[in-house]
PDB file of N, CA and C in Angstrom:
ATOM      1  N   MET A   1     109.953  99.803 102.572  1.00  0.00           N
ATOM      2  CA  MET A   1     111.036 100.524 101.819  1.00  0.00           C
ATOM      3  C   MET A   1     110.930  99.974 100.180  1.00  0.00           C
ATOM      4  N   THR A   2     110.871  98.450 100.263  1.00  0.00           N
ATOM      5  CA  THR A   2     110.945  97.860  99.043  1.00  0.00           C
ATOM      6  C   THR A   2     109.833  96.799  99.038  1.00  0.00           C
ATOM      7  N   GLU A   3     109.230  96.676  97.702  1.00  0.00           N
ATOM      8  CA  GLU A   3     108.134  95.690  97.583  1.00  0.00           C
ATOM      9  C   GLU A   3     108.581  94.235  97.222  1.00  0.00           C
ATOM     10  N   ALA A   4     109.679  94.300  96.308  1.00  0.00           N
ATOM     11  CA  ALA A   4     110.139  92.959  95.846  1.00  0.00           C
ATOM     12  C   ALA A   4     111.077  92.403  96.884  1.00  0.00           C
ATOM     13  N   ALA A   5     110.954  91.116  97.218  1.00  0.00           N
ATOM     14  CA  ALA A   5     112.004  90.459  98.244  1.00  0.00           C
ATOM     15  C   ALA A   5     112.140  89.025  97.627  1.00  0.00           C
ATOM     16  N   TYR A   6     113.465  88.556  97.861  1.00  0.00           N
ATOM     17  CA  TYR A   6     113.957  87.112  97.346  1.00  0.00           C
ATOM     18  C   TYR A   6     114.590  86.430  98.649  1.00  0.00           C
ATOM     19  N   SER A   7     114.262  85.253  98.796  1.00  0.00           N
ATOM     20  CA  SER A   7     115.234  84.723  99.986  1.00  0.00           C
ATOM     21  C   SER A   7     116.644  84.435  99.384  1.00  0.00           C
ATOM     22  N   ILE A   8     117.467  84.144 100.345  1.00  0.00           N
ATOM     23  CA  ILE A   8     118.976  84.322  99.867  1.00  0.00           C
ATOM     24  C   ILE A   8     118.992  83.023  98.782  1.00  0.00           C
ATOM     25  N   VAL A   9     118.374  81.876  98.961  1.00  0.00           N
ATOM     26  CA  VAL A   9     118.385  80.802  98.224  1.00  0.00           C
ATOM     27  C   VAL A   9     117.741  81.037  96.722  1.00  0.00           C
ATOM     28  N   GLU A  10     116.746  81.681  96.799  1.00  0.00           N
ATOM     29  CA  GLU A  10     116.166  82.160  95.464  1.00  0.00           C
ATOM     30  C   GLU A  10     117.012  83.127  94.665  1.00  0.00           C
ATOM     31  N   ALA A  11     117.625  84.255  95.430  1.00  0.00           N
ATOM     32  CA  ALA A  11     118.287  85.082  94.932  1.00  0.00           C
ATOM     33  C   ALA A  11     119.547  84.409  94.308  1.00  0.00           C
ATOM     34  N   ARG A  12     120.067  83.516  95.106  1.00  0.00           N
ATOM     35  CA  ARG A  12     121.372  83.072  94.476  1.00  0.00           C
ATOM     36  C   ARG A  12     121.030  82.178  93.196  1.00  0.00           C
ATOM     37  N   ALA A  13     119.944  81.758  92.962  1.00  0.00           N
ATOM     38  CA  ALA A  13     119.610  80.903  91.764  1.00  0.00           C
ATOM     39  C   ALA A  13     119.188  81.910  90.513  1.00  0.00           C
ATOM     40  N   ARG A  14     118.742  83.160  91.187  1.00  0.00           N
ATOM     41  CA  ARG A  14     118.341  83.995  89.851  1.00  0.00           C
ATOM     42  C   ARG A  14     119.011  85.549  89.988  1.00  0.00           C
ATOM     43  N   LEU A  15     120.117  85.268  90.537  1.00  0.00           N
ATOM     44  CA  LEU A  15     120.934  86.521  90.575  1.00  0.00           C
ATOM     45  C   LEU A  15     121.056  87.398  89.418  1.00  0.00           C
ATOM     46  N   GLY A  16     121.286  86.763  88.388  1.00  0.00           N
ATOM     47  CA  GLY A  16     121.541  87.496  87.009  1.00  0.00           C
ATOM     48  C   GLY A  16     120.356  88.280  86.600  1.00  0.00           C
ATOM     49  N   ALA A  17     119.216  87.572  86.583  1.00  0.00           N
ATOM     50  CA  ALA A  17     117.867  88.082  86.204  1.00  0.00           C
ATOM     51  C   ALA A  17     117.492  89.251  87.178  1.00  0.00           C
ATOM     52  N   ILE A  18     117.667  89.013  88.534  1.00  0.00           N
ATOM     53  CA  ILE A  18     117.235  90.110  89.506  1.00  0.00           C
ATOM     54  C   ILE A  18     118.064  91.376  89.180  1.00  0.00           C
ATOM     55  N   ALA A  19     119.459  91.126  89.230  1.00  0.00           N
ATOM     56  CA  ALA A  19     120.333  92.134  88.975  1.00  0.00           C
ATOM     57  C   ALA A  19     119.908  93.242  87.890  1.00  0.00           C
ATOM     58  N   ARG A  20     119.611  92.510  86.610  1.00  0.00           N
ATOM     59  CA  ARG A  20     119.137  93.043  85.317  1.00  0.00           C
ATOM     60  C   ARG A  20     117.948  93.860  85.802  1.00  0.00           C
ATOM     61  N   GLU A  21     116.885  93.384  86.329  1.00  0.00           N
ATOM     62  CA  GLU A  21     115.689  93.960  86.609  1.00  0.00           C
ATOM     63  C   GLU A  21     115.937  95.199  87.320  1.00  0.00           C
ATOM     64  N   VAL A  22     116.709  94.972  88.573  1.00  0.00           N
ATOM     65  CA  VAL A  22     116.952  96.305  89.336  1.00  0.00           C
ATOM     66  C   VAL A  22     117.601  97.347  88.593  1.00  0.00           C
ATOM     67  N   SER A  23     118.730  96.985  87.831  1.00  0.00           N
ATOM     68  CA  SER A  23     119.408  97.915  86.951  1.00  0.00           C
ATOM     69  C   SER A  23     118.414  98.739  86.091  1.00  0.00           C
ATOM     70  N   ALA A  24     117.410  97.929  85.229  1.00  0.00           N
ATOM     71  CA  ALA A  24     116.675  98.562  84.292  1.00  0.00           C
ATOM     72  C   ALA A  24     115.586  99.350  84.873  1.00  0.00           C
ATOM     73  N   THR A  25     114.977  99.030  86.139  1.00  0.00           N
ATOM     74  CA  THR A  25     113.675  99.687  86.631  1.00  0.00           C
ATOM     75  C   THR A  25     114.031 100.534  87.929  1.00  0.00           C
ATOM     76  N   ARG A  26     115.251 100.246  88.366  1.00  0.00           N
ATOM     77  CA  ARG A  26     115.817 101.225  89.351  1.00  0.00           C
ATOM     78  C   ARG A  26     114.792 101.059  90.720  1.00  0.00           C
ATOM     79  N   GLU A  27     114.209  99.944  90.625  1.00  0.00           N
ATOM     80  CA  GLU A  27     113.499  99.582  92.004  1.00  0.00           C
ATOM     81  C   GLU A  27     114.174  98.585  92.668  1.00  0.00           C
ATOM     82  N   PRO A  28     114.582  99.042  94.115  1.00  0.00           N
ATOM     83  CA  PRO A  28     115.284  97.931  94.666  1.00  0.00           C
ATOM     84  C   PRO A  28     114.727  96.730  95.292  1.00  0.00           C
ATOM     85  N   VAL A  29     115.579  95.649  95.362  1.00  0.00           N
ATOM     86  CA  VAL A  29     115.001  94.222  95.777  1.00  0.00           C
ATOM     87  C   VAL A  29     115.584  93.958  97.086  1.00  0.00           C
ATOM     88  N   ALA A  30     114.803  93.514  98.104  1.00  0.00           N
ATOM     89  CA  ALA A  30     115.280  92.889  99.411  1.00  0.00           C
ATOM     90  C   ALA A  30     115.708  91.590  99.221  1.00  0.00           C
ATOM     91  N   ILE A  31     116.907  91.292  99.880  1.00  0.00           N
ATOM     92  CA  ILE A  31     117.289  89.773  99.989  1.00  0.00           C
ATOM     93  C   ILE A  31     116.959  89.576 101.467  1.00  0.00           C
ATOM     94  N   THR A  32     116.260  88.357 101.600  1.00  0.00           N
ATOM     95  CA  THR A  32     115.998  87.938 103.056  1.00  0.00           C
ATOM     96  C   THR A  32     116.504  86.673 103.526  1.00  0.00           C
ATOM     97  N   ASP A  33     116.778  86.488 104.897  1.00  0.00           N
ATOM     98  CA  ASP A  33     117.290  85.314 105.305  1.00  0.00           C
ATOM     99  C   ASP A  33     116.332  84.931 106.499  1.00  0.00           C
ATOM    100  N   HIS A  34     115.562  83.809 106.373  1.00  0.00           N
ATOM    101  CA  HIS A  34     114.583  83.297 107.509  1.00  0.00           C
ATOM    102  C   HIS A  34     113.795  84.502 107.724  1.00  0.00           C
ATOM    103  N   GLY A  35     113.147  85.276 106.545  1.00  0.00           N
ATOM    104  CA  GLY A  35     112.272  86.271 106.823  1.00  0.00           C
ATOM    105  C   GLY A  35     112.673  87.450 107.142  1.00  0.00           C
ATOM    106  N   GLN A  36     113.900  87.721 107.437  1.00  0.00           N
ATOM    107  CA  GLN A  36     114.442  89.319 107.826  1.00  0.00           C
ATOM    108  C   GLN A  36     115.244  89.892 106.746  1.00  0.00           C
ATOM    109  N   THR A  37     115.084  90.986 106.324  1.00  0.00           N
ATOM    110  CA  THR A  37     115.986  91.703 105.204  1.00  0.00           C
ATOM    111  C   THR A  37     117.358  91.620 105.664  1.00  0.00           C
ATOM    112  N   VAL A  38     118.183  91.171 104.992  1.00  0.00           N
ATOM    113  CA  VAL A  38     119.868  91.161 105.196  1.00  0.00           C
ATOM    114  C   VAL A  38     120.602  91.969 104.213  1.00  0.00           C
ATOM    115  N   ALA A  39     120.037  92.486 103.192  1.00  0.00           N
ATOM    116  CA  ALA A  39     120.568  93.206 102.013  1.00  0.00           C
ATOM    117  C   ALA A  39     119.518  93.875 101.143  1.00  0.00           C
ATOM    118  N   ILE A  40     119.968  94.937 100.555  1.00  0.00           N
ATOM    119  CA  ILE A  40     119.084  95.467  99.579  1.00  0.00           C
ATOM    120  C   ILE A  40     119.957  95.572  98.237  1.00  0.00           C
ATOM    121  N   LEU A  41     119.591  95.087  97.138  1.00  0.00           N
ATOM    122  CA  LEU A  41     120.135  95.435  95.844  1.00  0.00           C
ATOM    123  C   LEU A  41     119.738  96.598  95.269  1.00  0.00           C
ATOM    124  N   LEU A  42     120.608  97.521  94.933  1.00  0.00           N
ATOM    125  CA  LEU A  42     120.348  98.756  94.328  1.00  0.00           C
ATOM    126  C   LEU A  42     120.876  98.844  92.995  1.00  0.00           C
ATOM    127  N   SER A  43     120.279  99.705  91.931  1.00  0.00           N
ATOM    128  CA  SER A  43     120.889  99.840  90.656  1.00  0.00           C
ATOM    129  C   SER A  43     122.203 100.752  90.899  1.00  0.00           C
ATOM    130  N   PRO A  44     123.002 100.543  89.941  1.00  0.00           N
ATOM    131  CA  PRO A  44     124.018 101.538  89.908  1.00  0.00           C
ATOM    132  C   PRO A  44     123.859 103.057  90.273  1.00  0.00           C
ATOM    133  N   ALA A  45     122.874 103.387  89.420  1.00  0.00           N
ATOM    134  CA  ALA A  45     122.414 104.975  89.531  1.00  0.00           C
ATOM    135  C   ALA A  45     121.854 105.235  90.796  1.00  0.00           C
ATOM    136  N   ASP A  46     121.287 104.359  91.596  1.00  0.00           N
ATOM    137  CA  ASP A  46     120.687 104.832  92.795  1.00  0.00           C
ATOM    138  C   ASP A  46     121.952 104.639  93.828  1.00  0.00           C
ATOM    139  N   ALA A  47     122.770 103.598  93.713  1.00  0.00           N
ATOM    140  CA  ALA A  47     123.973 103.602  94.625  1.00  0.00           C
ATOM    141  C   ALA A  47     124.935 104.920  94.498  1.00  0.00           C
ATOM    142  N   LEU A  48     125.049 105.304  93.244  1.00  0.00           N
ATOM    143  CA  LEU A  48     125.751 106.660  93.215  1.00  0.00           C
ATOM    144  C   LEU A  48     125.134 107.833  93.817  1.00  0.00           C
ATOM    145  N   GLU A  49     123.756 107.893  93.609  1.00  0.00           N
ATOM    146  CA  GLU A  49     123.002 108.880  94.201  1.00  0.00           C
ATOM    147  C   GLU A  49     122.933 108.925  95.466  1.00  0.00           C
ATOM    148  N   LEU A  50     122.977 107.558  96.457  1.00  0.00           N
ATOM    149  CA  LEU A  50     123.057 107.611  97.586  1.00  0.00           C
ATOM    150  C   LEU A  50     124.420 107.943  98.155  1.00  0.00           C
ATOM    151  N   GLN A  51     125.480 107.672  97.486  1.00  0.00           N
ATOM    152  CA  GLN A  51     126.880 107.917  97.863  1.00  0.00           C
ATOM    153  C   GLN A  51     126.948 109.441  97.855  1.00  0.00           C
ATOM    154  N   GLU A  52     126.303 110.311  96.940  1.00  0.00           N
ATOM    155  CA  GLU A  52     126.347 111.777  96.710  1.00  0.00           C
ATOM    156  C   GLU A  52     125.519 112.296  97.912  1.00  0.00           C
ATOM    157  N   LEU A  53     124.502 111.783  98.164  1.00  0.00           N
ATOM    158  CA  LEU A  53     123.732 112.278  99.251  1.00  0.00           C
ATOM    159  C   LEU A  53     124.417 112.129 100.718  1.00  0.00           C
ATOM    160  N   ARG A  54     125.049 111.121 100.809  1.00  0.00           N
ATOM    161  CA  ARG A  54     125.919 110.875 102.130  1.00  0.00           C
ATOM    162  C   ARG A  54     126.974 111.708 102.141  1.00  0.00           C
ATOM    163  N   ALA A  55     127.649 112.022 101.159  1.00  0.00           N
ATOM    164  CA  ALA A  55     128.864 113.042 100.999  1.00  0.00           C
ATOM    165  C   ALA A  55     128.371 114.248 101.325  1.00  0.00           C
ATOM    166  N   LEU A  56     127.148 114.685 100.696  1.00  0.00           N
ATOM    167  CA  LEU A  56     126.707 116.128 101.108  1.00  0.00           C
ATOM    168  C   LEU A  56     126.187 116.163 102.467  1.00  0.00           C
ATOM    169  N   ALA A  57     125.645 115.258 103.085  1.00  0.00           N
ATOM    170  CA  ALA A  57     125.178 115.406 104.424  1.00  0.00           C
ATOM    171  C   ALA A  57     126.308 115.310 105.492  1.00  0.00           C
ATOM    172  N   ALA A  58     127.486 114.681 105.039  1.00  0.00           N
ATOM    173  CA  ALA A  58     128.560 114.697 105.968  1.00  0.00           C
ATOM    174  C   ALA A  58     129.428 116.093 105.852  1.00  0.00           C
ATOM    175  N   TYR A  59     129.162 116.788 104.599  1.00  0.00           N
ATOM    176  CA  TYR A  59     129.731 118.196 104.349  1.00  0.00           C
ATOM    177  C   TYR A  59     128.891 119.306 105.079  1.00  0.00           C
ATOM    178  N   ARG A  60     127.687 118.907 105.075  1.00  0.00           N
ATOM    179  CA  ARG A  60     126.726 119.745 105.699  1.00  0.00           C
ATOM    180  C   ARG A  60     127.045 119.717 107.404  1.00  0.00           C
ATOM    181  N   ALA A  61     127.175 118.404 107.771  1.00  0.00           N
ATOM    182  CA  ALA A  61     127.378 118.423 109.325  1.00  0.00           C
ATOM    183  C   ALA A  61     128.646 119.057 109.675  1.00  0.00           C
ATOM    184  N   ARG A  62     129.840 118.902 108.798  1.00  0.00           N
ATOM    185  CA  ARG A  62     131.080 119.540 109.275  1.00  0.00           C
ATOM    186  C   ARG A  62     130.731 120.925 109.053  1.00  0.00           C
ATOM    187  N   GLN A  63     130.064 121.628 108.098  1.00  0.00           N
ATOM    188  CA  GLN A  63     129.766 123.003 108.036  1.00  0.00           C
ATOM    189  C   GLN A  63     129.201 123.460 109.423  1.00  0.00           C
ATOM    190  N   GLY A  64     128.177 122.526 109.818  1.00  0.00           N
ATOM    191  CA  GLY A  64     127.423 123.033 111.094  1.00  0.00           C
ATOM    192  C   GLY A  64     128.111 123.163 112.138  1.00  0.00           C
ATOM    193  N   LEU A  65     129.439 122.284 112.231  1.00  0.00           N
ATOM    194  CA  LEU A  65     130.316 122.162 113.465  1.00  0.00           C
ATOM    195  C   LEU A  65     131.459 123.215 113.217  1.00  0.00           C
ATOM    196  N   GLY A  66     131.260 124.259 112.227  1.00  0.00           N
ATOM    197  CA  GLY A  66     132.295 125.105 111.881  1.00  0.00           C
ATOM    198  C   GLY A  66     133.554 124.536 111.476  1.00  0.00           C
ATOM    199  N   GLU A  67     133.660 123.327 111.063  1.00  0.00           N
ATOM    200  CA  GLU A  67     134.747 122.798 110.320  1.00  0.00           C
ATOM    201  C   GLU A  67     134.942 123.372 108.914  1.00  0.00           C
ATOM    202  N   ASP A  68     136.418 123.460 108.795  1.00  0.00           N
ATOM    203  CA  ASP A  68     136.703 123.910 107.495  1.00  0.00           C
ATOM    204  C   ASP A  68     136.710 122.580 106.510  1.00  0.00           C
ATOM    205  N   ALA A  69     135.603 122.637 105.759  1.00  0.00           N
ATOM    206  CA  ALA A  69     135.390 121.277 104.782  1.00  0.00           C
ATOM    207  C   ALA A  69     135.957 121.121 103.600  1.00  0.00           C
ATOM    208  N   GLY A  70     136.772 122.346 103.184  1.00  0.00           N
ATOM    209  CA  GLY A  70     137.198 122.224 101.940  1.00  0.00           C
ATOM    210  C   GLY A  70     138.866 122.227 101.881  1.00  0.00           C
ATOM    211  N   VAL A  71     139.420 122.183 100.819  1.00  0.00           N
ATOM    212  CA  VAL A  71     141.036 122.398 100.801  1.00  0.00           C
ATOM    213  C   VAL A  71     141.118 123.639  99.892  1.00  0.00           C
ATOM    214  N   SER A  72     142.336 124.209 100.164  1.00  0.00           N
ATOM    215  CA  SER A  72     142.856 125.430  99.227  1.00  0.00           C
ATOM    216  C   SER A  72     143.103 124.800  97.933  1.00  0.00           C
ATOM    217  N   HIS A  73     143.269 125.921  97.045  1.00  0.00           N
ATOM    218  CA  HIS A  73     143.595 125.788  95.591  1.00  0.00           C
ATOM    219  C   HIS A  73     144.934 125.142  95.390  1.00  0.00           C
ATOM    220  N   ASP A  74     146.021 125.398  96.357  1.00  0.00           N
ATOM    221  CA  ASP A  74     147.130 124.857  96.284  1.00  0.00           C
ATOM    222  C   ASP A  74     147.073 123.401  96.398  1.00  0.00           C
ATOM    223  N   GLU A  75     146.465 123.137  97.650  1.00  0.00           N
ATOM    224  CA  GLU A  75     146.370 121.698  98.009  1.00  0.00           C
ATOM    225  C   GLU A  75     145.772 120.784  97.100  1.00  0.00           C
ATOM    226  N   ALA A  76     144.585 121.531  96.351  1.00  0.00           N
ATOM    227  CA  ALA A  76     143.843 120.671  95.367  1.00  0.00           C
ATOM    228  C   ALA A  76     144.834 120.327  94.294  1.00  0.00           C
ATOM    229  N   TYR A  77     145.414 121.482  93.845  1.00  0.00           N
ATOM    230  CA  TYR A  77     146.459 121.105  92.528  1.00  0.00           C
ATOM    231  C   TYR A  77     147.512 120.216  92.994  1.00  0.00           C
ATOM    232  N   ARG A  78     147.994 120.115  94.207  1.00  0.00           N
ATOM    233  CA  ARG A  78     149.012 119.377  94.602  1.00  0.00           C
ATOM    234  C   ARG A  78     148.542 117.870  94.568  1.00  0.00           C
ATOM    235  N   ARG A  79     147.333 117.739  95.027  1.00  0.00           N
ATOM    236  CA  ARG A  79     146.566 116.349  95.088  1.00  0.00           C
ATOM    237  C   ARG A  79     146.382 115.781  93.906  1.00  0.00           C
ATOM    238  N   VAL A  80     146.030 116.769  92.835  1.00  0.00           N
ATOM    239  CA  VAL A  80     145.675 116.295  91.327  1.00  0.00           C
ATOM    240  C   VAL A  80     147.004 115.932  90.609  1.00  0.00           C
ATOM    241  N   PHE A  81     147.779 117.118  90.587  1.00  0.00           N
ATOM    242  CA  PHE A  81     149.107 116.953  89.787  1.00  0.00           C
ATOM    243  C   PHE A  81     150.364 116.390  90.313  1.00  0.00           C
ATOM    244  N   GLY A  82     150.276 116.311  91.718  1.00  0.00           N
ATOM    245  CA  GLY A  82     151.370 115.917  92.522  1.00  0.00           C
ATOM    246  C   GLY A  82     152.553 116.587  92.535  1.00  0.00           C
ATOM    247  N   GLY A  83     152.342 118.036  92.465  1.00  0.00           N
ATOM    248  CA  GLY A  83     153.565 118.929  92.723  1.00  0.00           C
ATOM    249  C   GLY A  83     152.980 120.186  92.978  1.00  0.00           C
ATOM    250  N   ALA A  84     153.758 121.187  93.208  1.00  0.00           N
ATOM    251  CA  ALA A  84     153.534 122.539  93.547  1.00  0.00           C
ATOM    252  C   ALA A  84     152.928 123.178  92.139  1.00  0.00           C
ATOM    253  N   GLU A  85     152.134 124.119  92.451  1.00  0.00           N
ATOM    254  CA  GLU A  85     151.650 124.940  91.115  1.00  0.00           C
ATOM    255  C   GLU A  85     152.739 125.854  90.697  1.00  0.00           C
ATOM    256  N   VAL A  86     152.910 126.131  89.384  1.00  0.00           N
ATOM    257  CA  VAL A  86     153.766 126.894  88.727  1.00  0.00           C
ATOM    258  C   VAL A  86     153.352 128.417  88.453  1.00  0.00           C
TER     259      VAL A  86
END
């Protein structure tokens, strides 16, 4: 999944530099504890992309189940503007 990996101890000591590198290169970095990956550090762009992909997958799953995955225009207006449409 990812080639770069740091132990928790090393990551703690170098977190600023590691975070800047991940952000600049968009290459994820694994954080390990006793040789096992316990976390993955992602760039903000990759994290946003992952969130969007998960939302799309959830939407498609609801569609596949025949659920109404959207909201009406009136409901969207009420949520955004806090009142009934005029």
